[in-house]
């Protein structure tokens, strides 16, 4: 009886996990998936653009040529808030691009 209860509980948990993953995938937007390389982890992560342009307010993480230093689980990861130095002046200003593109685990080598 205990084994049957354990198997049933495991199946319920697995079903919930699949449902949550499907809901997250369904809410990822209409764009194609992109890839970001996290140099501190040596891993690639899929991503999608959920906000095309954010205002230049709050913290942003540098994204240069699809590479960033911190990813999920790292203290410096800001949840996919990216600053791209579009005008190439090395300064974070209104001429740059600010996006929201969360990284989707798991990362891969």
Protein backbone atom coordinates (compact mmCIF):
# COMPACT_ATOMS: atom_id res chain seq x y z
CA UNK A 1 0.00 0.00 0.00
CA UNK A 2 2.82 2.41 0.87
CA UNK A 3 4.51 1.68 -2.48
CA UNK A 4 1.29 2.41 -4.39
CA UNK A 5 0.83 5.70 -2.49
CA UNK A 6 4.48 6.68 -3.24
CA UNK A 7 4.08 5.91 -6.95
CA UNK A 8 0.82 7.87 -7.10
CA UNK A 9 2.46 10.85 -5.34
CA UNK A 10 5.43 10.70 -7.71
CA UNK A 11 3.13 10.69 -10.73
CA UNK A 12 1.20 13.70 -9.41
CA UNK A 13 4.44 15.65 -8.85
CA UNK A 14 5.73 14.70 -12.31
CA UNK A 15 2.43 15.79 -13.87
CA UNK A 16 2.57 19.15 -12.10
CA UNK A 17 6.16 19.71 -13.26
CA UNK A 18 5.22 18.95 -16.87
CA UNK A 19 2.21 21.25 -16.63
CA UNK A 20 4.29 24.12 -15.24
CA UNK A 21 6.96 23.64 -17.91
CA UNK A 22 4.29 23.64 -20.63
CA UNK A 23 2.73 26.80 -19.22
CA UNK A 24 6.10 28.55 -19.08
CA UNK A 25 6.85 27.52 -22.68
CA UNK A 26 3.41 28.63 -23.85
CA UNK A 27 3.92 32.08 -22.29
CA UNK A 28 7.32 32.65 -23.85
CA UNK A 29 6.05 35.02 -26.51
CA UNK A 30 5.71 34.67 -30.26
CA UNK A 31 9.34 35.14 -31.24
CA UNK A 32 11.90 32.51 -32.02
CA UNK A 33 14.22 31.23 -29.33
CA UNK A 34 17.70 32.72 -29.20
CA UNK A 35 20.84 31.60 -27.38
CA UNK A 36 23.03 33.35 -24.80
CA UNK A 37 26.43 32.03 -23.67
CA UNK A 38 27.20 32.46 -19.94
CA UNK A 39 30.99 32.68 -19.69
CA UNK A 40 31.23 32.05 -15.92
CA UNK A 41 29.35 28.76 -16.30
CA UNK A 42 30.58 27.67 -19.72
CA UNK A 43 26.95 27.01 -20.71
CA UNK A 44 24.53 28.11 -23.42
CA UNK A 45 20.94 29.00 -22.51
CA UNK A 46 17.88 29.41 -24.70
CA UNK A 47 16.10 32.74 -24.40
CA UNK A 48 13.33 34.79 -25.96
CA UNK A 49 12.52 38.49 -26.05
CA UNK A 50 9.63 39.18 -23.70
CA UNK A 51 10.05 42.98 -23.76
CA UNK A 52 11.50 44.52 -26.91
CA UNK A 53 12.56 47.75 -25.26
CA UNK A 54 12.78 48.68 -21.58
CA UNK A 55 13.47 52.17 -20.22
CA UNK A 56 17.00 52.88 -19.00
CA UNK A 57 16.09 52.52 -15.32
CA UNK A 58 17.27 50.01 -12.75
CA UNK A 59 19.98 47.38 -12.99
CA UNK A 60 20.95 45.77 -16.29
CA UNK A 61 23.49 43.14 -17.18
CA UNK A 62 25.87 43.60 -20.14
CA UNK A 63 25.18 41.40 -23.16
CA UNK A 64 27.79 41.60 -25.90
CA UNK A 65 27.66 39.45 -29.04
CA UNK A 66 25.37 36.96 -27.28
CA UNK A 67 27.75 36.53 -24.32
CA UNK A 68 27.28 37.54 -20.69
CA UNK A 69 29.17 36.82 -17.48
CA UNK A 70 26.39 35.62 -15.14
CA UNK A 71 23.46 33.26 -15.57
CA UNK A 72 20.78 31.49 -13.52
CA UNK A 73 22.05 30.68 -10.04
CA UNK A 74 24.85 33.29 -10.15
CA UNK A 75 24.63 36.29 -7.77
CA UNK A 76 25.18 38.73 -10.67
CA UNK A 77 22.33 37.38 -12.83
CA UNK A 78 19.55 39.96 -13.11
CA UNK A 79 16.78 37.74 -14.47
CA UNK A 80 17.40 38.54 -18.12
CA UNK A 81 17.54 42.37 -17.97
CA UNK A 82 20.12 43.13 -20.66
CA UNK A 83 22.01 46.22 -21.73
CA UNK A 84 23.44 46.18 -25.25
CA UNK A 85 25.84 49.03 -26.05
CA UNK A 86 24.12 49.75 -29.38
CA UNK A 87 25.88 53.06 -30.06
CA UNK A 88 29.30 51.67 -29.08
CA UNK A 89 30.30 54.53 -26.76
CA UNK A 90 30.92 52.28 -23.73
CA UNK A 91 28.40 54.25 -21.66
CA UNK A 92 24.94 53.13 -20.58
CA UNK A 93 22.71 55.82 -22.06
CA UNK A 94 19.51 56.37 -24.01
CA UNK A 95 21.17 55.47 -27.33
CA UNK A 96 21.50 51.84 -26.21
CA UNK A 97 19.15 48.86 -26.18
CA UNK A 98 17.57 47.54 -22.97
CA UNK A 99 15.74 44.19 -23.17
CA UNK A 100 14.06 41.59 -21.03
CA UNK A 101 15.08 38.11 -22.20
CA UNK A 102 15.09 35.51 -19.43
CA UNK A 103 17.45 32.55 -19.74
CA UNK A 104 15.65 29.21 -19.85
CA UNK A 105 17.23 26.37 -17.88
CA UNK A 106 18.78 23.97 -18.14
CA UNK A 107 21.97 25.34 -19.65
CA UNK A 108 23.95 23.10 -22.00
CA UNK A 109 27.64 22.82 -22.89
